[in-house]
């Protein structure tokens, strides 16, 4: 006879997956905003892990506010990246949004999260990509293409 699970028992056996976000911001020259974290090598874009009971969109908005001090709520989904299990880390989904072009005035208002970030720069996407994590190196070109075509990229 097959055992019937309670909701709690069934939820306990379901796989767990890490969910994160990344946000692409550009200046008026079309250069990409990248951030230098103090806790690992390389550069990244604003974003991070979603909190429990938080949607990817709300996570991206929150992380943008926390990391660069800008309250930008109009974000466009441009990509979804699937990352396989890597060492101690479970497999993951990263929702990649575009925050569009930020103004010179907004750039002057950037305040980095001093607990995690050392500096920021704007560089061409071509120069930024080699500086970023492997997942961003793989996903950003597809997301830039999706932005041009007003579509959403799926990247594995």
N, C-alpha and C. Protein backbone atom coordinates (compact mmCIF):
# COMPACT_ATOMS: atom_id res chain seq x y z
N UNK A 1 0.84 -1.18 0.00
CA UNK A 1 0.00 0.00 0.00
C UNK A 1 0.89 1.25 0.00
N UNK A 2 0.55 2.22 -0.81
CA UNK A 2 1.31 3.46 -0.92
C UNK A 2 0.96 4.38 0.24
N UNK A 3 2.01 4.95 0.82
CA UNK A 3 1.81 5.87 1.94
C UNK A 3 1.37 7.24 1.41
N UNK A 4 0.41 7.82 2.07
CA UNK A 4 -0.01 9.19 1.75
C UNK A 4 0.77 10.13 2.66
N UNK A 5 1.37 11.12 2.05
CA UNK A 5 2.16 12.09 2.80
C UNK A 5 1.31 13.27 3.25
N UNK A 6 1.64 13.78 4.41
CA UNK A 6 1.07 15.07 4.80
C UNK A 6 1.79 16.14 3.98
N UNK A 7 1.26 17.33 3.94
CA UNK A 7 1.94 18.43 3.23
C UNK A 7 3.33 18.65 3.79
N UNK A 8 3.47 18.57 5.11
CA UNK A 8 4.77 18.79 5.75
C UNK A 8 5.78 17.71 5.36
N UNK A 9 5.34 16.44 5.36
CA UNK A 9 6.23 15.34 4.98
C UNK A 9 6.65 15.46 3.52
N UNK A 10 5.71 15.79 2.66
CA UNK A 10 6.01 15.92 1.25
C UNK A 10 6.96 17.09 0.99
N UNK A 11 6.70 18.21 1.64
CA UNK A 11 7.57 19.39 1.48
C UNK A 11 8.99 19.09 1.93
N UNK A 12 9.15 18.26 2.97
CA UNK A 12 10.47 17.95 3.51
C UNK A 12 11.31 17.12 2.54
N UNK A 13 10.67 16.37 1.64
CA UNK A 13 11.44 15.53 0.71
C UNK A 13 11.63 16.19 -0.66
N UNK A 14 11.02 17.31 -0.90
CA UNK A 14 11.21 17.99 -2.18
C UNK A 14 12.62 18.56 -2.29
N UNK A 15 13.19 18.60 -3.51
CA UNK A 15 14.52 19.17 -3.66
C UNK A 15 14.53 20.67 -3.36
N UNK A 16 15.69 21.13 -2.94
CA UNK A 16 15.86 22.56 -2.64
C UNK A 16 16.75 23.14 -3.73
N UNK A 17 16.46 24.37 -4.12
CA UNK A 17 17.19 25.04 -5.18
C UNK A 17 17.47 26.47 -4.73
N UNK A 18 18.68 26.94 -4.95
CA UNK A 18 19.04 28.31 -4.64
C UNK A 18 18.45 29.22 -5.72
N UNK A 19 17.89 30.36 -5.31
CA UNK A 19 17.34 31.33 -6.25
C UNK A 19 18.05 32.66 -6.02
N UNK A 20 18.51 33.25 -7.11
CA UNK A 20 19.21 34.52 -7.00
C UNK A 20 18.77 35.48 -8.09
N UNK A 21 19.31 36.70 -8.02
CA UNK A 21 18.98 37.72 -8.99
C UNK A 21 20.23 38.47 -9.41
N UNK A 22 20.15 39.08 -10.55
CA UNK A 22 21.19 39.98 -11.05
C UNK A 22 20.48 41.10 -11.80
N UNK A 23 21.03 42.31 -11.71
CA UNK A 23 20.40 43.45 -12.37
C UNK A 23 21.45 44.17 -13.21
N UNK A 24 21.12 44.40 -14.47
CA UNK A 24 21.99 45.10 -15.40
C UNK A 24 21.56 46.56 -15.48
N UNK A 25 22.50 47.46 -15.19
CA UNK A 25 22.27 48.89 -15.32
C UNK A 25 23.30 49.45 -16.29
N UNK A 26 22.87 50.42 -17.07
CA UNK A 26 23.74 51.05 -18.05
C UNK A 26 23.76 52.55 -17.85
N UNK A 27 24.90 53.19 -18.19
CA UNK A 27 24.93 54.65 -18.19
C UNK A 27 24.53 55.13 -19.58
N UNK A 28 24.53 56.43 -19.79
CA UNK A 28 24.07 56.98 -21.07
C UNK A 28 25.01 56.64 -22.23
N UNK A 29 26.21 56.15 -21.94
CA UNK A 29 27.15 55.71 -22.99
C UNK A 29 26.95 54.24 -23.34
N UNK A 30 26.01 53.55 -22.66
CA UNK A 30 25.78 52.14 -22.90
C UNK A 30 26.74 51.23 -22.15
N UNK A 31 27.48 51.80 -21.19
CA UNK A 31 28.41 51.00 -20.39
C UNK A 31 27.66 50.33 -19.24
N UNK A 32 28.14 49.16 -18.86
CA UNK A 32 27.51 48.33 -17.82
C UNK A 32 28.09 48.66 -16.45
N UNK A 33 27.22 48.76 -15.46
CA UNK A 33 27.64 48.96 -14.07
C UNK A 33 28.11 47.62 -13.50
N UNK A 34 29.37 47.60 -13.00
CA UNK A 34 29.87 46.41 -12.32
C UNK A 34 30.41 46.82 -10.95
N UNK A 35 30.36 45.89 -10.01
CA UNK A 35 30.72 46.13 -8.62
C UNK A 35 31.85 45.21 -8.19
N UNK A 36 32.76 45.74 -7.37
CA UNK A 36 33.87 44.95 -6.84
C UNK A 36 33.54 44.53 -5.41
N UNK A 37 33.26 43.22 -5.19
CA UNK A 37 32.97 42.77 -3.83
C UNK A 37 34.25 42.64 -3.02
N UNK A 38 34.13 42.74 -1.69
CA UNK A 38 35.31 42.58 -0.83
C UNK A 38 35.44 41.16 -0.30
N UNK A 39 34.50 40.28 -0.63
CA UNK A 39 34.49 38.93 -0.07
C UNK A 39 34.90 37.85 -1.07
N UNK A 40 35.19 38.25 -2.33
CA UNK A 40 35.67 37.28 -3.31
C UNK A 40 36.33 38.01 -4.45
N UNK A 41 37.07 37.28 -5.26
CA UNK A 41 37.74 37.86 -6.42
C UNK A 41 36.74 38.17 -7.52
N UNK A 42 37.13 39.04 -8.40
CA UNK A 42 36.31 39.35 -9.55
C UNK A 42 35.31 40.46 -9.29
N UNK A 43 34.45 40.66 -10.25
CA UNK A 43 33.43 41.71 -10.23
C UNK A 43 32.07 41.05 -10.41
N UNK A 44 31.03 41.79 -10.09
CA UNK A 44 29.67 41.31 -10.25
C UNK A 44 28.76 42.47 -10.61
N UNK A 45 27.49 42.19 -10.78
CA UNK A 45 26.49 43.22 -10.99
C UNK A 45 25.58 43.22 -9.75
N UNK A 46 24.80 44.27 -9.55
CA UNK A 46 23.90 44.25 -8.39
C UNK A 46 23.00 43.02 -8.41
N UNK A 47 22.71 42.49 -7.23
CA UNK A 47 21.85 41.32 -7.12
C UNK A 47 22.29 40.46 -5.96
N UNK A 48 21.67 39.33 -5.83
CA UNK A 48 22.03 38.42 -4.74
C UNK A 48 20.97 37.36 -4.56
N UNK A 49 21.05 36.68 -3.44
CA UNK A 49 20.12 35.60 -3.14
C UNK A 49 18.77 36.14 -2.68
N UNK A 50 17.73 35.43 -3.09
CA UNK A 50 16.40 35.80 -2.61
C UNK A 50 16.24 35.34 -1.18
N UNK A 51 15.51 36.09 -0.41
CA UNK A 51 15.17 35.69 0.95
C UNK A 51 13.99 34.71 0.90
N UNK A 52 13.77 34.00 2.00
CA UNK A 52 12.58 33.14 2.08
C UNK A 52 11.34 33.97 1.84
N UNK A 53 10.41 33.42 1.10
CA UNK A 53 9.12 34.05 0.80
C UNK A 53 9.27 35.39 0.06
N UNK A 54 10.33 35.53 -0.73
CA UNK A 54 10.55 36.75 -1.50
C UNK A 54 10.60 36.38 -2.98
N UNK A 55 9.92 37.14 -3.80
CA UNK A 55 9.94 36.88 -5.23
C UNK A 55 11.26 37.35 -5.83
N UNK A 56 11.66 36.81 -6.97
CA UNK A 56 12.88 37.29 -7.62
C UNK A 56 12.83 38.79 -7.92
N UNK A 57 11.69 39.30 -8.37
CA UNK A 57 11.59 40.74 -8.65
C UNK A 57 11.82 41.57 -7.40
N UNK A 58 11.16 41.20 -6.31
CA UNK A 58 11.35 41.96 -5.06
C UNK A 58 12.78 41.83 -4.54
N UNK A 59 13.39 40.67 -4.75
CA UNK A 59 14.79 40.49 -4.36
C UNK A 59 15.69 41.43 -5.15
N UNK A 60 15.47 41.52 -6.46
CA UNK A 60 16.28 42.40 -7.31
C UNK A 60 16.13 43.86 -6.90
N UNK A 61 14.92 44.28 -6.59
CA UNK A 61 14.67 45.65 -6.14
C UNK A 61 15.37 45.90 -4.80
N UNK A 62 15.21 44.95 -3.87
CA UNK A 62 15.84 45.09 -2.55
C UNK A 62 17.36 45.11 -2.65
N UNK A 63 17.92 44.18 -3.41
CA UNK A 63 19.38 44.12 -3.55
C UNK A 63 19.93 45.38 -4.20
N UNK A 64 19.23 45.93 -5.17
CA UNK A 64 19.66 47.18 -5.80
C UNK A 64 19.72 48.29 -4.76
N UNK A 65 18.70 48.39 -3.95
CA UNK A 65 18.66 49.42 -2.90
C UNK A 65 19.78 49.20 -1.89
N UNK A 66 19.97 47.95 -1.45
CA UNK A 66 21.00 47.65 -0.45
C UNK A 66 22.41 47.87 -0.99
N UNK A 67 22.66 47.43 -2.22
CA UNK A 67 24.03 47.43 -2.73
C UNK A 67 24.48 48.76 -3.32
N UNK A 68 23.56 49.47 -4.01
CA UNK A 68 23.99 50.73 -4.62
C UNK A 68 23.16 51.93 -4.17
N UNK A 69 22.21 51.71 -3.28
CA UNK A 69 21.45 52.82 -2.70
C UNK A 69 20.42 53.45 -3.60
N UNK A 70 20.11 52.84 -4.73
CA UNK A 70 19.11 53.40 -5.63
C UNK A 70 17.80 52.63 -5.50
N UNK A 71 16.71 53.38 -5.44
CA UNK A 71 15.38 52.80 -5.30
C UNK A 71 14.74 52.73 -6.69
N UNK A 72 15.07 51.68 -7.42
CA UNK A 72 14.58 51.50 -8.78
C UNK A 72 13.66 50.29 -8.81
N UNK A 73 12.41 50.54 -9.15
CA UNK A 73 11.41 49.48 -9.09
C UNK A 73 10.96 48.98 -10.46
N UNK A 74 11.30 49.70 -11.50
CA UNK A 74 10.92 49.30 -12.86
C UNK A 74 12.04 48.45 -13.45
N UNK A 75 11.91 47.15 -13.37
CA UNK A 75 12.91 46.23 -13.88
C UNK A 75 12.25 45.31 -14.91
N UNK A 76 13.02 44.95 -15.93
CA UNK A 76 12.53 44.09 -17.00
C UNK A 76 13.29 42.76 -16.96
N UNK A 77 12.57 41.66 -16.89
CA UNK A 77 13.20 40.35 -16.93
C UNK A 77 13.81 40.14 -18.31
N UNK A 78 15.12 39.83 -18.34
CA UNK A 78 15.81 39.61 -19.62
C UNK A 78 16.44 38.23 -19.72
N UNK A 79 16.55 37.51 -18.59
CA UNK A 79 17.16 36.20 -18.67
C UNK A 79 16.94 35.36 -17.43
N UNK A 80 16.98 34.05 -17.63
CA UNK A 80 16.95 33.09 -16.54
C UNK A 80 18.12 32.15 -16.77
N UNK A 81 18.98 32.06 -15.76
CA UNK A 81 20.18 31.23 -15.85
C UNK A 81 20.04 30.05 -14.90
N UNK A 82 20.24 28.84 -15.43
CA UNK A 82 20.26 27.65 -14.59
C UNK A 82 21.71 27.26 -14.35
N UNK A 83 22.07 27.16 -13.07
CA UNK A 83 23.41 26.73 -12.70
C UNK A 83 23.35 25.36 -12.05
N UNK A 84 24.13 24.40 -12.55
CA UNK A 84 24.13 23.07 -11.94
C UNK A 84 24.82 23.09 -10.57
N UNK A 85 24.62 22.02 -9.82
CA UNK A 85 25.28 21.85 -8.53
C UNK A 85 26.77 22.04 -8.72
N UNK A 86 27.39 22.76 -7.76
CA UNK A 86 28.84 22.99 -7.82
C UNK A 86 29.40 22.86 -6.41
N UNK A 87 30.10 21.75 -6.17
CA UNK A 87 30.67 21.52 -4.85
C UNK A 87 29.59 21.46 -3.79
N UNK A 88 29.71 22.31 -2.78
CA UNK A 88 28.74 22.31 -1.67
C UNK A 88 27.47 23.08 -2.01
N UNK A 89 27.45 23.74 -3.17
CA UNK A 89 26.30 24.56 -3.53
C UNK A 89 25.29 23.77 -4.36
N UNK A 90 24.01 23.90 -4.01
CA UNK A 90 22.95 23.24 -4.77
C UNK A 90 22.83 23.88 -6.14
N UNK A 91 22.06 23.24 -7.00
CA UNK A 91 21.80 23.87 -8.28
C UNK A 91 20.98 25.13 -8.03
N UNK A 92 20.95 26.00 -9.04
CA UNK A 92 20.35 27.31 -8.79
C UNK A 92 19.67 27.87 -10.03
N UNK A 93 18.81 28.83 -9.78
CA UNK A 93 18.21 29.65 -10.83
C UNK A 93 18.54 31.10 -10.52
N UNK A 94 18.99 31.81 -11.54
CA UNK A 94 19.25 33.25 -11.38
C UNK A 94 18.35 33.99 -12.36
N UNK A 95 17.54 34.90 -11.83
CA UNK A 95 16.67 35.74 -12.64
C UNK A 95 17.42 37.04 -12.92
N UNK A 96 17.62 37.34 -14.19
CA UNK A 96 18.41 38.49 -14.59
C UNK A 96 17.47 39.56 -15.14
N UNK A 97 17.58 40.74 -14.56
CA UNK A 97 16.72 41.86 -14.93
C UNK A 97 17.56 42.98 -15.53
N UNK A 98 16.91 43.83 -16.30
CA UNK A 98 17.53 45.06 -16.75
C UNK A 98 16.86 46.22 -16.02
N UNK A 99 17.71 47.08 -15.47
CA UNK A 99 17.21 48.32 -14.87
C UNK A 99 17.30 49.48 -15.85
N UNK A 100 17.74 49.18 -17.07
CA UNK A 100 17.81 50.20 -18.11
C UNK A 100 18.96 51.17 -17.90
N UNK A 101 18.78 52.33 -18.47
CA UNK A 101 19.79 53.39 -18.38
C UNK A 101 19.51 54.25 -17.17
N UNK A 102 20.52 54.43 -16.34
CA UNK A 102 20.38 55.32 -15.20
C UNK A 102 21.03 56.66 -15.54
N UNK A 103 20.46 57.70 -15.02
CA UNK A 103 20.90 59.05 -15.35
C UNK A 103 22.18 59.41 -14.62
N UNK A 104 22.83 60.47 -15.10
CA UNK A 104 24.03 60.97 -14.41
C UNK A 104 23.70 61.36 -12.97
N UNK A 105 22.51 61.92 -12.75
CA UNK A 105 22.08 62.30 -11.41
C UNK A 105 21.96 61.06 -10.52
N UNK A 106 21.38 59.99 -11.04
CA UNK A 106 21.28 58.75 -10.27
C UNK A 106 22.67 58.18 -9.98
N UNK A 107 23.56 58.25 -10.94
CA UNK A 107 24.91 57.74 -10.74
C UNK A 107 25.60 58.49 -9.61
N UNK A 108 25.38 59.80 -9.54
CA UNK A 108 25.99 60.60 -8.46
C UNK A 108 25.41 60.21 -7.10
N UNK A 109 24.23 59.60 -7.07
CA UNK A 109 23.58 59.20 -5.82
C UNK A 109 23.95 57.78 -5.39
N UNK A 110 24.74 57.06 -6.19
CA UNK A 110 25.11 55.70 -5.82
C UNK A 110 25.88 55.72 -4.51
N UNK A 111 25.43 54.89 -3.57
CA UNK A 111 26.10 54.69 -2.28
C UNK A 111 26.30 53.19 -2.12
N UNK A 112 27.56 52.76 -2.20
CA UNK A 112 27.85 51.34 -2.10
C UNK A 112 27.62 50.80 -0.70
N UNK A 113 27.18 49.56 -0.64
CA UNK A 113 27.02 48.84 0.63
C UNK A 113 28.43 48.55 1.15
N UNK A 114 28.86 49.29 2.15
CA UNK A 114 30.25 49.22 2.60
C UNK A 114 30.60 47.88 3.24
N UNK A 115 29.61 47.11 3.68
CA UNK A 115 29.89 45.81 4.28
C UNK A 115 30.30 44.77 3.25
N UNK A 116 30.02 45.01 1.96
CA UNK A 116 30.27 43.99 0.94
C UNK A 116 31.02 44.50 -0.29
N UNK A 117 30.97 45.79 -0.55
CA UNK A 117 31.46 46.29 -1.84
C UNK A 117 32.55 47.34 -1.67
N UNK A 118 33.56 47.26 -2.54
CA UNK A 118 34.69 48.19 -2.49
C UNK A 118 34.57 49.35 -3.47
N UNK A 119 34.07 49.07 -4.68
CA UNK A 119 33.99 50.12 -5.70
C UNK A 119 33.05 49.71 -6.80
N UNK A 120 32.74 50.67 -7.66
CA UNK A 120 31.95 50.39 -8.86
C UNK A 120 32.56 51.15 -10.02
N UNK A 121 32.33 50.61 -11.20
CA UNK A 121 32.74 51.28 -12.42
C UNK A 121 31.72 50.98 -13.51
N UNK A 122 31.71 51.81 -14.53
CA UNK A 122 30.95 51.54 -15.74
C UNK A 122 31.96 51.23 -16.83
N UNK A 123 31.78 50.12 -17.49
CA UNK A 123 32.66 49.73 -18.60
C UNK A 123 31.80 49.12 -19.71
N UNK A 124 32.35 49.10 -20.90
CA UNK A 124 31.62 48.48 -22.01
C UNK A 124 31.33 47.03 -21.64
N UNK A 125 30.21 46.50 -22.12
CA UNK A 125 29.92 45.09 -21.83
C UNK A 125 31.06 44.16 -22.27
N UNK A 126 31.72 44.48 -23.37
CA UNK A 126 32.82 43.64 -23.85
C UNK A 126 33.97 43.60 -22.85
N UNK A 127 34.26 44.73 -22.21
CA UNK A 127 35.32 44.78 -21.21
C UNK A 127 34.86 44.21 -19.88
N UNK A 128 33.58 44.33 -19.58
CA UNK A 128 33.04 43.86 -18.29
C UNK A 128 33.00 42.33 -18.23
N UNK A 129 32.58 41.71 -19.29
CA UNK A 129 32.30 40.27 -19.26
C UNK A 129 33.49 39.44 -18.76
N UNK A 130 34.73 39.66 -19.23
CA UNK A 130 35.84 38.83 -18.72
C UNK A 130 36.14 39.03 -17.23
N UNK A 131 35.67 40.13 -16.65
CA UNK A 131 35.93 40.42 -15.24
C UNK A 131 34.92 39.74 -14.31
N UNK A 132 33.83 39.26 -14.86
CA UNK A 132 32.71 38.74 -14.08
C UNK A 132 32.83 37.24 -13.81
N UNK A 133 31.94 36.76 -12.96
CA UNK A 133 31.89 35.32 -12.62
C UNK A 133 31.55 34.52 -13.88
N UNK A 134 31.90 33.23 -13.88
CA UNK A 134 31.59 32.39 -15.06
C UNK A 134 30.10 32.40 -15.43
N UNK A 135 29.21 32.39 -14.44
CA UNK A 135 27.78 32.38 -14.77
C UNK A 135 27.36 33.68 -15.45
N UNK A 136 27.91 34.82 -14.99
CA UNK A 136 27.59 36.09 -15.63
C UNK A 136 28.27 36.20 -17.00
N UNK A 137 29.47 35.66 -17.13
CA UNK A 137 30.14 35.66 -18.43
C UNK A 137 29.30 34.93 -19.47
N UNK A 138 28.66 33.87 -19.02
CA UNK A 138 27.84 33.07 -19.92
C UNK A 138 26.48 33.71 -20.18
N UNK A 139 25.89 34.33 -19.16
CA UNK A 139 24.52 34.80 -19.29
C UNK A 139 24.38 36.22 -19.85
N UNK A 140 25.32 37.10 -19.57
CA UNK A 140 25.14 38.50 -19.99
C UNK A 140 25.06 38.65 -21.52
N UNK A 141 25.92 38.00 -22.31
CA UNK A 141 25.74 38.16 -23.76
C UNK A 141 24.34 37.75 -24.25
N UNK A 142 23.82 36.66 -23.72
CA UNK A 142 22.48 36.23 -24.10
C UNK A 142 21.42 37.23 -23.65
N UNK A 143 21.63 37.83 -22.48
CA UNK A 143 20.68 38.82 -21.97
C UNK A 143 20.74 40.11 -22.78
N UNK A 144 21.92 40.51 -23.21
CA UNK A 144 22.05 41.70 -24.06
C UNK A 144 21.33 41.48 -25.39
N UNK A 145 21.46 40.28 -25.93
CA UNK A 145 20.74 39.95 -27.17
C UNK A 145 19.23 39.96 -26.93
N UNK A 146 18.80 39.42 -25.80
CA UNK A 146 17.37 39.42 -25.46
C UNK A 146 16.84 40.84 -25.32
N UNK A 147 17.65 41.72 -24.73
CA UNK A 147 17.24 43.13 -24.60
C UNK A 147 17.00 43.75 -25.97
N UNK A 148 17.92 43.50 -26.92
CA UNK A 148 17.78 44.04 -28.28
C UNK A 148 16.51 43.55 -28.94
N UNK A 149 16.17 42.28 -28.69
CA UNK A 149 15.03 41.65 -29.36
C UNK A 149 13.74 41.67 -28.54
N UNK A 150 13.79 42.32 -27.37
CA UNK A 150 12.62 42.39 -26.48
C UNK A 150 12.09 40.99 -26.17
N UNK A 151 13.02 40.09 -25.81
CA UNK A 151 12.66 38.73 -25.43
C UNK A 151 13.31 38.41 -24.09
N UNK A 152 13.19 37.17 -23.66
CA UNK A 152 13.84 36.70 -22.44
C UNK A 152 14.71 35.51 -22.82
N UNK A 153 15.96 35.53 -22.37
CA UNK A 153 16.90 34.45 -22.67
C UNK A 153 16.83 33.39 -21.58
N UNK A 154 16.95 32.13 -22.00
CA UNK A 154 17.12 31.04 -21.05
C UNK A 154 18.51 30.49 -21.29
N UNK A 155 19.33 30.44 -20.21
CA UNK A 155 20.72 30.05 -20.34
C UNK A 155 21.02 28.88 -19.39
N UNK A 156 21.66 27.84 -19.91
CA UNK A 156 22.14 26.72 -19.07
C UNK A 156 23.62 26.62 -19.22
